Amino acid sequence: MAFYIKEAAEKVNLPTHTLRYYEQEGLLPFIKRDEHGNRIFDDNDLLWLDLIVCLRKTDIPLSELRSIVELTKAGDSTAAERKQILEKHKEKMMEKQRDLDSAFIKIKAKLAFYDEIEKKFNEENMPFEA
């Protein structure tokens, strides 16, 4: 199935200018164009965009995505190199996840501390019943 840029952008939940930017940055080298020069996205393009969106959410640098694209264009013989880039990125993500888990524990403890303060305050300021 074929999609124009607006439809493709909606399907991957990105603004059209982001898709244009990704193409300008060399991340969408396989996008075709119709006779009027309009971008045509197919299902494989949408799968690739979905992966880009996923990886960008994990803060992968554009340079690493560009490397993956260039290696992909070079063919299947570069699969090990592409895998290495993703493995390295996965390690960075795991380190970040450990940092986030630690921060979550600290925030949870601080919230419990505030709950206790509120509880004590409310008990001390309750009106007396006769």
N, C-alpha and C. Protein backbone atom coordinates (compact mmCIF):
# COMPACT_ATOMS: atom_id res chain seq x y z
N MET A 1 0.85 -1.18 0.00
CA MET A 1 0.00 0.00 0.00
C MET A 1 0.90 1.24 0.00
N ALA A 2 0.45 2.30 -0.63
CA ALA A 2 1.23 3.53 -0.74
C ALA A 2 0.57 4.65 0.04
N PHE A 3 1.42 5.46 0.66
CA PHE A 3 0.94 6.58 1.47
C PHE A 3 1.73 7.83 1.11
N TYR A 4 1.03 8.96 1.08
CA TYR A 4 1.72 10.23 0.94
C TYR A 4 2.20 10.66 2.32
N ILE A 5 3.00 11.70 2.36
CA ILE A 5 3.69 12.08 3.60
C ILE A 5 2.73 12.35 4.76
N LYS A 6 1.60 13.00 4.48
CA LYS A 6 0.65 13.30 5.56
C LYS A 6 0.12 12.01 6.19
N GLU A 7 -0.24 11.06 5.34
CA GLU A 7 -0.77 9.78 5.84
C GLU A 7 0.32 9.01 6.60
N ALA A 8 1.52 9.01 6.05
CA ALA A 8 2.63 8.31 6.71
C ALA A 8 2.92 8.93 8.06
N ALA A 9 2.92 10.26 8.12
CA ALA A 9 3.19 10.96 9.37
C ALA A 9 2.14 10.61 10.43
N GLU A 10 0.89 10.56 10.00
CA GLU A 10 -0.19 10.19 10.93
C GLU A 10 -0.01 8.77 11.45
N LYS A 11 0.39 7.87 10.56
CA LYS A 11 0.54 6.46 10.95
C LYS A 11 1.65 6.25 11.97
N VAL A 12 2.71 7.06 11.90
CA VAL A 12 3.82 6.91 12.86
C VAL A 12 3.79 7.99 13.93
N ASN A 13 2.74 8.80 13.92
CA ASN A 13 2.52 9.83 14.93
C ASN A 13 3.67 10.84 15.01
N LEU A 14 4.06 11.32 13.86
CA LEU A 14 5.08 12.36 13.75
C LEU A 14 4.56 13.48 12.86
N PRO A 15 5.04 14.69 13.07
CA PRO A 15 4.68 15.77 12.14
C PRO A 15 5.37 15.57 10.80
N THR A 16 4.77 16.05 9.74
CA THR A 16 5.35 15.89 8.41
C THR A 16 6.73 16.52 8.31
N HIS A 17 6.95 17.64 9.01
CA HIS A 17 8.27 18.28 8.92
C HIS A 17 9.36 17.38 9.51
N THR A 18 9.00 16.52 10.46
CA THR A 18 9.99 15.59 11.02
C THR A 18 10.37 14.55 9.98
N LEU A 19 9.39 14.08 9.21
CA LEU A 19 9.70 13.11 8.14
C LEU A 19 10.59 13.75 7.09
N ARG A 20 10.30 14.99 6.76
CA ARG A 20 11.16 15.69 5.79
C ARG A 20 12.57 15.85 6.34
N TYR A 21 12.67 16.18 7.63
CA TYR A 21 13.97 16.33 8.28
C TYR A 21 14.73 15.00 8.25
N TYR A 22 14.06 13.92 8.60
CA TYR A 22 14.71 12.60 8.59
C TYR A 22 15.22 12.26 7.19
N GLU A 23 14.43 12.61 6.18
CA GLU A 23 14.88 12.36 4.81
C GLU A 23 16.11 13.22 4.49
N GLN A 24 16.07 14.47 4.88
CA GLN A 24 17.19 15.39 4.66
C GLN A 24 18.45 14.89 5.37
N GLU A 25 18.28 14.26 6.52
CA GLU A 25 19.41 13.75 7.31
C GLU A 25 19.91 12.39 6.80
N GLY A 26 19.27 11.88 5.75
CA GLY A 26 19.72 10.62 5.17
C GLY A 26 19.16 9.38 5.83
N LEU A 27 18.13 9.55 6.65
CA LEU A 27 17.56 8.41 7.36
C LEU A 27 16.48 7.68 6.56
N LEU A 28 16.05 8.27 5.47
CA LEU A 28 14.99 7.67 4.64
C LEU A 28 15.43 7.60 3.18
N PRO A 29 16.48 6.85 2.91
CA PRO A 29 17.03 6.86 1.55
C PRO A 29 16.21 6.08 0.53
N PHE A 30 15.26 5.30 1.00
CA PHE A 30 14.51 4.44 0.08
C PHE A 30 13.13 4.99 -0.28
N ILE A 31 12.84 6.20 0.15
CA ILE A 31 11.54 6.80 -0.16
C ILE A 31 11.47 7.09 -1.66
N LYS A 32 10.37 6.67 -2.24
CA LYS A 32 10.14 6.91 -3.67
C LYS A 32 9.34 8.20 -3.83
N ARG A 33 9.28 8.67 -5.05
CA ARG A 33 8.49 9.87 -5.36
C ARG A 33 7.60 9.59 -6.56
N ASP A 34 6.44 10.25 -6.57
CA ASP A 34 5.55 10.09 -7.72
C ASP A 34 5.98 11.05 -8.83
N GLU A 35 5.20 11.10 -9.90
CA GLU A 35 5.56 11.92 -11.06
C GLU A 35 5.57 13.43 -10.75
N HIS A 36 4.95 13.81 -9.62
CA HIS A 36 4.92 15.21 -9.22
C HIS A 36 5.97 15.54 -8.16
N GLY A 37 6.76 14.55 -7.80
CA GLY A 37 7.80 14.77 -6.80
C GLY A 37 7.34 14.56 -5.36
N ASN A 38 6.11 14.12 -5.18
CA ASN A 38 5.60 13.86 -3.83
C ASN A 38 6.18 12.54 -3.29
N ARG A 39 6.52 12.56 -2.03
CA ARG A 39 7.05 11.35 -1.40
C ARG A 39 5.97 10.28 -1.31
N ILE A 40 6.38 9.06 -1.61
CA ILE A 40 5.48 7.91 -1.51
C ILE A 40 6.10 6.93 -0.52
N PHE A 41 5.36 6.63 0.54
CA PHE A 41 5.81 5.70 1.56
C PHE A 41 5.06 4.38 1.39
N ASP A 42 5.79 3.26 1.51
CA ASP A 42 5.12 1.96 1.47
C ASP A 42 5.18 1.34 2.87
N ASP A 43 4.65 0.13 3.00
CA ASP A 43 4.60 -0.52 4.31
C ASP A 43 5.99 -0.71 4.90
N ASN A 44 6.98 -1.03 4.08
CA ASN A 44 8.34 -1.19 4.59
C ASN A 44 8.90 0.13 5.11
N ASP A 45 8.58 1.22 4.43
CA ASP A 45 9.01 2.54 4.91
C ASP A 45 8.40 2.84 6.27
N LEU A 46 7.12 2.47 6.44
CA LEU A 46 6.46 2.71 7.72
C LEU A 46 7.08 1.86 8.83
N LEU A 47 7.46 0.64 8.51
CA LEU A 47 8.15 -0.20 9.50
C LEU A 47 9.48 0.43 9.91
N TRP A 48 10.22 0.94 8.93
CA TRP A 48 11.49 1.60 9.21
C TRP A 48 11.25 2.86 10.05
N LEU A 49 10.25 3.65 9.68
CA LEU A 49 9.92 4.86 10.46
C LEU A 49 9.54 4.50 11.89
N ASP A 50 8.81 3.42 12.05
CA ASP A 50 8.41 2.98 13.38
C ASP A 50 9.66 2.64 14.21
N LEU A 51 10.64 2.00 13.59
CA LEU A 51 11.89 1.69 14.28
C LEU A 51 12.64 2.97 14.63
N ILE A 52 12.69 3.92 13.70
CA ILE A 52 13.34 5.20 13.97
C ILE A 52 12.69 5.89 15.16
N VAL A 53 11.37 5.93 15.17
CA VAL A 53 10.63 6.56 16.28
C VAL A 53 10.99 5.87 17.59
N CYS A 54 10.99 4.55 17.58
CA CYS A 54 11.33 3.78 18.77
C CYS A 54 12.74 4.12 19.25
N LEU A 55 13.68 4.09 18.35
CA LEU A 55 15.07 4.36 18.72
C LEU A 55 15.28 5.80 19.16
N ARG A 56 14.60 6.73 18.53
CA ARG A 56 14.73 8.14 18.94
C ARG A 56 14.18 8.34 20.36
N LYS A 57 13.14 7.60 20.72
CA LYS A 57 12.61 7.68 22.09
C LYS A 57 13.65 7.22 23.10
N THR A 58 14.59 6.41 22.65
CA THR A 58 15.64 5.93 23.54
C THR A 58 16.90 6.77 23.40
N ASP A 59 16.78 7.90 22.74
CA ASP A 59 17.87 8.88 22.60
C ASP A 59 19.05 8.39 21.77
N ILE A 60 18.81 7.52 20.80
CA ILE A 60 19.90 7.13 19.92
C ILE A 60 20.31 8.36 19.10
N PRO A 61 21.58 8.61 18.97
CA PRO A 61 22.01 9.76 18.16
C PRO A 61 21.68 9.57 16.68
N LEU A 62 21.38 10.67 16.01
CA LEU A 62 21.11 10.61 14.57
C LEU A 62 22.31 10.03 13.82
N SER A 63 23.50 10.30 14.31
CA SER A 63 24.70 9.78 13.64
C SER A 63 24.72 8.25 13.63
N GLU A 64 24.26 7.64 14.72
CA GLU A 64 24.20 6.18 14.77
C GLU A 64 23.13 5.64 13.83
N LEU A 65 21.99 6.33 13.78
CA LEU A 65 20.94 5.93 12.83
C LEU A 65 21.45 6.06 11.40
N ARG A 66 22.16 7.14 11.13
CA ARG A 66 22.72 7.35 9.79
C ARG A 66 23.69 6.22 9.44
N SER A 67 24.50 5.80 10.41
CA SER A 67 25.44 4.69 10.18
C SER A 67 24.69 3.41 9.85
N ILE A 68 23.61 3.15 10.57
CA ILE A 68 22.80 1.96 10.30
C ILE A 68 22.25 2.02 8.88
N VAL A 69 21.77 3.19 8.48
CA VAL A 69 21.23 3.35 7.11
C VAL A 69 22.31 3.08 6.08
N GLU A 70 23.47 3.69 6.26
CA GLU A 70 24.55 3.50 5.29
C GLU A 70 24.98 2.04 5.22
N LEU A 71 25.06 1.39 6.36
CA LEU A 71 25.42 -0.03 6.38
C LEU A 71 24.34 -0.88 5.72
N THR A 72 23.09 -0.51 5.95
CA THR A 72 21.97 -1.24 5.32
C THR A 72 22.06 -1.13 3.80
N LYS A 73 22.37 0.06 3.33
CA LYS A 73 22.51 0.27 1.88
C LYS A 73 23.65 -0.57 1.31
N ALA A 74 24.66 -0.84 2.13
CA ALA A 74 25.81 -1.62 1.68
C ALA A 74 25.50 -3.12 1.59
N GLY A 75 24.40 -3.55 2.19
CA GLY A 75 23.99 -4.94 2.02
C GLY A 75 24.09 -5.79 3.29
N ASP A 76 23.69 -7.05 3.12
CA ASP A 76 23.60 -7.97 4.25
C ASP A 76 24.95 -8.28 4.90
N SER A 77 26.03 -8.07 4.18
CA SER A 77 27.34 -8.35 4.75
C SER A 77 27.67 -7.43 5.93
N THR A 78 26.88 -6.37 6.12
CA THR A 78 27.12 -5.42 7.20
C THR A 78 26.22 -5.67 8.42
N ALA A 79 25.51 -6.78 8.41
CA ALA A 79 24.57 -7.07 9.51
C ALA A 79 25.28 -7.06 10.87
N ALA A 80 26.48 -7.63 10.93
CA ALA A 80 27.20 -7.68 12.21
C ALA A 80 27.53 -6.28 12.71
N GLU A 81 27.88 -5.38 11.82
CA GLU A 81 28.20 -4.00 12.22
C GLU A 81 26.94 -3.28 12.70
N ARG A 82 25.83 -3.51 12.02
CA ARG A 82 24.57 -2.89 12.44
C ARG A 82 24.16 -3.41 13.81
N LYS A 83 24.33 -4.71 13.98
CA LYS A 83 24.00 -5.35 15.26
C LYS A 83 24.87 -4.76 16.37
N GLN A 84 26.14 -4.53 16.09
CA GLN A 84 27.06 -3.97 17.08
C GLN A 84 26.60 -2.57 17.52
N ILE A 85 26.15 -1.77 16.58
CA ILE A 85 25.65 -0.43 16.92
C ILE A 85 24.47 -0.55 17.87
N LEU A 86 23.54 -1.46 17.55
CA LEU A 86 22.36 -1.61 18.41
C LEU A 86 22.71 -2.21 19.76
N GLU A 87 23.68 -3.13 19.80
CA GLU A 87 24.12 -3.71 21.08
C GLU A 87 24.72 -2.63 21.97
N LYS A 88 25.53 -1.78 21.39
CA LYS A 88 26.15 -0.68 22.15
C LYS A 88 25.06 0.26 22.67
N HIS A 89 24.09 0.56 21.83
CA HIS A 89 22.99 1.43 22.25
C HIS A 89 22.17 0.76 23.35
N LYS A 90 21.95 -0.54 23.23
CA LYS A 90 21.21 -1.28 24.25
C LYS A 90 21.91 -1.18 25.60
N GLU A 91 23.22 -1.27 25.61
CA GLU A 91 23.98 -1.14 26.86
C GLU A 91 23.77 0.25 27.48
N LYS A 92 23.79 1.29 26.64
CA LYS A 92 23.54 2.65 27.14
C LYS A 92 22.13 2.75 27.73
N MET A 93 21.17 2.11 27.05
CA MET A 93 19.79 2.13 27.54
C MET A 93 19.67 1.41 28.88
N MET A 94 20.37 0.29 29.02
CA MET A 94 20.32 -0.47 30.27
C MET A 94 20.92 0.35 31.41
N GLU A 95 22.00 1.07 31.13
CA GLU A 95 22.61 1.93 32.15
C GLU A 95 21.64 3.03 32.55
N LYS A 96 20.99 3.62 31.56
CA LYS A 96 20.02 4.67 31.84
C LYS A 96 18.84 4.10 32.64
N GLN A 97 18.43 2.87 32.31
CA GLN A 97 17.33 2.25 33.04
C GLN A 97 17.70 2.03 34.50
N ARG A 98 18.94 1.62 34.76
CA ARG A 98 19.38 1.47 36.15
C ARG A 98 19.33 2.81 36.88
N ASP A 99 19.76 3.87 36.20
CA ASP A 99 19.71 5.20 36.80
C ASP A 99 18.26 5.60 37.09
N LEU A 100 17.37 5.33 36.15
CA LEU A 100 15.96 5.67 36.34
C LEU A 100 15.34 4.85 37.46
N ASP A 101 15.69 3.56 37.55
CA ASP A 101 15.18 2.71 38.62
C ASP A 101 15.61 3.25 39.98
N SER A 102 16.86 3.67 40.08
CA SER A 102 17.38 4.24 41.32
C SER A 102 16.64 5.53 41.67
N ALA A 103 16.44 6.38 40.68
CA ALA A 103 15.73 7.63 40.90
C ALA A 103 14.28 7.36 41.32
N PHE A 104 13.66 6.37 40.71
CA PHE A 104 12.27 6.03 41.04
C PHE A 104 12.16 5.61 42.50
N ILE A 105 13.11 4.82 42.98
CA ILE A 105 13.11 4.38 44.38
C ILE A 105 13.23 5.59 45.31
N LYS A 106 14.10 6.52 44.97
CA LYS A 106 14.29 7.72 45.80
C LYS A 106 13.03 8.59 45.80
N ILE A 107 12.42 8.74 44.66
CA ILE A 107 11.19 9.55 44.57
C ILE A 107 10.07 8.88 45.35
N LYS A 108 9.95 7.58 45.22
CA LYS A 108 8.92 6.84 45.95
C LYS A 108 9.10 7.00 47.46
N ALA A 109 10.35 6.94 47.93
CA ALA A 109 10.63 7.12 49.35
C ALA A 109 10.28 8.54 49.79
N LYS A 110 10.60 9.53 48.98
CA LYS A 110 10.29 10.92 49.32
C LYS A 110 8.78 11.13 49.37
N LEU A 111 8.05 10.53 48.45
CA LEU A 111 6.58 10.65 48.47
C LEU A 111 6.00 10.01 49.74
N ALA A 112 6.54 8.88 50.15
CA ALA A 112 6.09 8.24 51.39
C ALA A 112 6.38 9.14 52.59
N PHE A 113 7.54 9.80 52.57
CA PHE A 113 7.90 10.74 53.63
C PHE A 113 6.89 11.88 53.70
N TYR A 114 6.53 12.43 52.53
CA TYR A 114 5.54 13.52 52.50
C TYR A 114 4.17 13.04 52.95
N ASP A 115 3.81 11.80 52.61
CA ASP A 115 2.54 11.24 53.08
C ASP A 115 2.50 11.22 54.61
N GLU A 116 3.60 10.84 55.23
CA GLU A 116 3.67 10.80 56.69
C GLU A 116 3.56 12.19 57.29
N ILE A 117 4.22 13.16 56.68
CA ILE A 117 4.11 14.55 57.16
C ILE A 117 2.67 15.03 57.08
N GLU A 118 2.01 14.78 55.95
CA GLU A 118 0.61 15.19 55.78
C GLU A 118 -0.29 14.51 56.80
N LYS A 119 -0.07 13.23 57.01
CA LYS A 119 -0.88 12.47 57.96
C LYS A 119 -0.72 13.05 59.37
N LYS A 120 0.52 13.28 59.77
CA LYS A 120 0.79 13.84 61.10
C LYS A 120 0.17 15.24 61.23
N PHE A 121 0.34 16.06 60.20
CA PHE A 121 -0.22 17.41 60.21
C PHE A 121 -1.74 17.36 60.36
N ASN A 122 -2.38 16.48 59.59
CA ASN A 122 -3.84 16.38 59.63
C ASN A 122 -4.33 15.89 60.99
N GLU A 123 -3.61 14.95 61.59
CA GLU A 123 -4.00 14.44 62.90
C GLU A 123 -3.85 15.52 63.97
N GLU A 124 -2.80 16.31 63.88
CA GLU A 124 -2.55 17.35 64.87
C GLU A 124 -3.51 18.53 64.73
N ASN A 125 -4.08 18.70 63.58
CA ASN A 125 -4.96 19.85 63.34
C ASN A 125 -6.44 19.49 63.21
N MET A 126 -6.76 18.28 63.65
CA MET A 126 -8.17 17.89 63.61
C MET A 126 -8.90 18.60 64.73
N PRO A 127 -10.12 19.03 64.49
CA PRO A 127 -10.89 19.66 65.57
C PRO A 127 -11.24 18.61 66.63
N PHE A 128 -11.26 19.03 67.86
CA PHE A 128 -11.61 18.13 68.95
C PHE A 128 -13.11 17.89 68.95
N GLU A 129 -13.47 16.66 69.24
CA GLU A 129 -14.89 16.33 69.33
C GLU A 129 -15.24 16.21 70.79
N ALA A 130 -16.39 16.75 71.17
CA ALA A 130 -16.82 16.71 72.58
C ALA A 130 -17.72 15.55 72.83
